[in-house]
C-alpha atoms as a PDB file:
ATOM      1  CA  UNK A   1     -54.765  40.210 -59.384  1.00  0.00           C
ATOM      2  CA  UNK A   2     -57.154  36.955 -61.299  1.00  0.00           C
ATOM      3  CA  UNK A   3     -57.588  33.694 -59.826  1.00  0.00           C
ATOM      4  CA  UNK A   4     -55.716  31.283 -61.467  1.00  0.00           C
ATOM      5  CA  UNK A   5     -57.362  27.823 -62.975  1.00  0.00           C
ATOM      6  CA  UNK A   6     -56.482  25.740 -60.028  1.00  0.00           C
ATOM      7  CA  UNK A   7     -57.919  28.532 -57.286  1.00  0.00           C
ATOM      8  CA  UNK A   8     -60.983  28.377 -60.321  1.00  0.00           C
ATOM      9  CA  UNK A   9     -61.219  24.891 -59.662  1.00  0.00           C
ATOM     10  CA  UNK A  10     -60.381  25.009 -55.823  1.00  0.00           C
ATOM     11  CA  UNK A  11     -64.515  26.798 -55.667  1.00  0.00           C
ATOM     12  CA  UNK A  12     -66.189  24.668 -58.326  1.00  0.00           C
ATOM     13  CA  UNK A  13     -65.544  21.512 -56.315  1.00  0.00           C
ATOM     14  CA  UNK A  14     -66.444  23.145 -52.941  1.00  0.00           C
ATOM     15  CA  UNK A  15     -69.191  24.336 -54.845  1.00  0.00           C
ATOM     16  CA  UNK A  16     -69.832  20.277 -55.389  1.00  0.00           C
ATOM     17  CA  UNK A  17     -69.705  19.322 -52.707  1.00  0.00           C
ATOM     18  CA  UNK A  18     -70.168  20.997 -49.878  1.00  0.00           C
ATOM     19  CA  UNK A  19     -72.214  24.620 -50.394  1.00  0.00           C
ATOM     20  CA  UNK A  20     -74.898  22.689 -53.394  1.00  0.00           C
ATOM     21  CA  UNK A  21     -75.367  19.356 -51.409  1.00  0.00           C
ATOM     22  CA  UNK A  22     -75.427  21.332 -48.366  1.00  0.00           C
ATOM     23  CA  UNK A  23     -78.387  23.401 -49.039  1.00  0.00           C
ATOM     24  CA  UNK A  24     -80.011  21.464 -51.704  1.00  0.00           C
ATOM     25  CA  UNK A  25     -82.949  20.404 -49.495  1.00  0.00           C
ATOM     26  CA  UNK A  26     -83.526  24.072 -48.230  1.00  0.00           C
ATOM     27  CA  UNK A  27     -83.234  25.635 -51.891  1.00  0.00           C
ATOM     28  CA  UNK A  28     -85.749  22.947 -53.681  1.00  0.00           C
ATOM     29  CA  UNK A  29     -88.144  24.234 -50.715  1.00  0.00           C
ATOM     30  CA  UNK A  30     -87.478  27.967 -51.129  1.00  0.00           C
ATOM     31  CA  UNK A  31     -87.764  27.249 -55.231  1.00  0.00           C
ATOM     32  CA  UNK A  32     -91.018  24.717 -54.522  1.00  0.00           C
ATOM     33  CA  UNK A  33     -92.533  28.404 -52.194  1.00  0.00           C
ATOM     34  CA  UNK A  34     -91.902  30.970 -54.816  1.00  0.00           C
ATOM     35  CA  UNK A  35     -93.178  28.811 -57.268  1.00  0.00           C
ATOM     36  CA  UNK A  36     -96.422  28.998 -55.530  1.00  0.00           C
ATOM     37  CA  UNK A  37     -95.953  33.010 -55.279  1.00  0.00           C
ATOM     38  CA  UNK A  38     -95.619  33.223 -58.664  1.00  0.00           C
ATOM     39  CA  UNK A  39     -97.984  30.948 -60.278  1.00  0.00           C
ATOM     40  CA  UNK A  40    -101.026  32.531 -57.939  1.00  0.00           C
ATOM     41  CA  UNK A  41     -99.318  36.258 -58.817  1.00  0.00           C
ATOM     42  CA  UNK A  42     -99.673  35.204 -62.141  1.00  0.00           C
ATOM     43  CA  UNK A  43    -103.175  33.446 -61.962  1.00  0.00           C
ATOM     44  CA  UNK A  44    -104.713  36.768 -59.689  1.00  0.00           C
ATOM     45  CA  UNK A  45    -102.641  39.685 -62.128  1.00  0.00           C
ATOM     46  CA  UNK A  46    -104.970  38.418 -65.650  1.00  0.00           C
ATOM     47  CA  UNK A  47    -107.823  39.694 -64.493  1.00  0.00           C
ATOM     48  CA  UNK A  48    -107.609  43.630 -62.664  1.00  0.00           C
ATOM     49  CA  UNK A  49    -110.249  45.640 -61.874  1.00  0.00           C
ATOM     50  CA  UNK A  50    -109.399  48.939 -61.231  1.00  0.00           C
ATOM     51  CA  UNK A  51    -111.201  52.459 -61.286  1.00  0.00           C
ATOM     52  CA  UNK A  52    -113.925  50.768 -62.414  1.00  0.00           C
ATOM     53  CA  UNK A  53    -112.286  49.717 -65.420  1.00  0.00           C
ATOM     54  CA  UNK A  54    -111.152  45.697 -66.208  1.00  0.00           C
ATOM     55  CA  UNK A  55    -107.817  45.067 -67.785  1.00  0.00           C
ATOM     56  CA  UNK A  56    -107.337  41.335 -68.854  1.00  0.00           C
ATOM     57  CA  UNK A  57    -104.710  39.480 -70.343  1.00  0.00           C
ATOM     58  CA  UNK A  58    -105.024  36.427 -71.978  1.00  0.00           C
ATOM     59  CA  UNK A  59    -104.996  33.094 -70.125  1.00  0.00           C
ATOM     60  CA  UNK A  60    -106.096  30.351 -66.915  1.00  0.00           C
ATOM     61  CA  UNK A  61    -106.628  33.388 -64.753  1.00  0.00           C
ATOM     62  CA  UNK A  62    -108.444  35.756 -66.664  1.00  0.00           C
ATOM     63  CA  UNK A  63    -110.978  32.510 -67.812  1.00  0.00           C
ATOM     64  CA  UNK A  64    -111.884  31.580 -64.349  1.00  0.00           C
ATOM     65  CA  UNK A  65    -112.038  35.435 -63.407  1.00  0.00           C
ATOM     66  CA  UNK A  66    -113.810  36.320 -66.539  1.00  0.00           C
ATOM     67  CA  UNK A  67    -116.070  32.859 -65.637  1.00  0.00           C
ATOM     68  CA  UNK A  68    -116.960  33.353 -62.024  1.00  0.00           C
ATOM     69  CA  UNK A  69    -117.456  37.513 -63.275  1.00  0.00           C
ATOM     70  CA  UNK A  70    -120.112  36.557 -66.485  1.00  0.00           C
ATOM     71  CA  UNK A  71    -121.863  33.543 -63.656  1.00  0.00           C
ATOM     72  CA  UNK A  72    -120.535  30.649 -67.045  1.00  0.00           C
ATOM     73  CA  UNK A  73    -119.960  28.179 -64.204  1.00  0.00           C
ATOM     74  CA  UNK A  74    -119.606  24.938 -66.941  1.00  0.00           C
ATOM     75  CA  UNK A  75    -116.358  27.423 -67.661  1.00  0.00           C
ATOM     76  CA  UNK A  76    -115.690  27.806 -64.582  1.00  0.00           C
ATOM     77  CA  UNK A  77    -115.240  24.113 -63.756  1.00  0.00           C
ATOM     78  CA  UNK A  78    -113.267  23.105 -66.636  1.00  0.00           C
ATOM     79  CA  UNK A  79    -110.737  26.229 -66.096  1.00  0.00           C
ATOM     80  CA  UNK A  80    -110.160  25.376 -62.465  1.00  0.00           C
ATOM     81  CA  UNK A  81    -109.839  21.806 -63.578  1.00  0.00           C
ATOM     82  CA  UNK A  82    -107.154  22.393 -65.816  1.00  0.00           C
ATOM     83  CA  UNK A  83    -105.756  24.225 -63.063  1.00  0.00           C
ATOM     84  CA  UNK A  84    -105.329  21.761 -60.596  1.00  0.00           C
ATOM     85  CA  UNK A  85    -104.247  19.250 -62.869  1.00  0.00           C
ATOM     86  CA  UNK A  86    -101.227  21.383 -63.753  1.00  0.00           C
ATOM     87  CA  UNK A  87    -100.256  21.714 -60.183  1.00  0.00           C
ATOM     88  CA  UNK A  88    -101.197  17.908 -59.358  1.00  0.00           C
ATOM     89  CA  UNK A  89     -98.976  17.575 -62.323  1.00  0.00           C
ATOM     90  CA  UNK A  90     -96.007  19.494 -61.725  1.00  0.00           C
ATOM     91  CA  UNK A  91     -96.194  18.851 -58.275  1.00  0.00           C
ATOM     92  CA  UNK A  92     -95.932  14.907 -58.984  1.00  0.00           C
ATOM     93  CA  UNK A  93     -93.355  15.494 -62.133  1.00  0.00           C
ATOM     94  CA  UNK A  94     -91.222  18.130 -61.131  1.00  0.00           C
ATOM     95  CA  UNK A  95     -91.242  18.612 -57.546  1.00  0.00           C
ATOM     96  CA  UNK A  96     -91.715  15.431 -55.594  1.00  0.00           C
ATOM     97  CA  UNK A  97     -88.706  13.276 -57.486  1.00  0.00           C
ATOM     98  CA  UNK A  98     -86.212  17.033 -56.567  1.00  0.00           C
ATOM     99  CA  UNK A  99     -87.852  16.751 -52.925  1.00  0.00           C
ATOM    100  CA  UNK A 100     -87.372  12.953 -52.365  1.00  0.00           C
ATOM    101  CA  UNK A 101     -83.826  13.269 -54.246  1.00  0.00           C
ATOM    102  CA  UNK A 102     -83.043  15.811 -51.517  1.00  0.00           C
ATOM    103  CA  UNK A 103     -84.402  13.669 -48.698  1.00  0.00           C
ATOM    104  CA  UNK A 104     -82.286  10.862 -50.450  1.00  0.00           C
ATOM    105  CA  UNK A 105     -78.912  12.006 -51.034  1.00  0.00           C
ATOM    106  CA  UNK A 106     -78.436  14.948 -49.748  1.00  0.00           C
ATOM    107  CA  UNK A 107     -79.884  14.528 -46.056  1.00  0.00           C
ATOM    108  CA  UNK A 108     -78.059  16.204 -42.947  1.00  0.00           C
ATOM    109  CA  UNK A 109     -77.018  13.169 -40.807  1.00  0.00           C
ATOM    110  CA  UNK A 110     -77.076  13.879 -37.148  1.00  0.00           C
END
């Protein structure tokens, strides 16, 4: 038995008015945590030493690891600064507005 258009519309309305507003603050917190973990994992996985072999892929993590291994401190400072700048910009331009929206519009009032 297929749902009718009215049942589908009711389900969509329930998600828009009840479920999403109810979980939005927790959803944003979870996404921020997951993205941070994924960012860390991707940085670390760009330069791996395994059984005496170094496996790399191009990226910021590889640049930081190579600079550390070779003692190239100016490159290490530059790459770490770029990484820090990206984190700060992402926090200010993406996560902070979403978190503010979660606090102001979708807070649970007791």
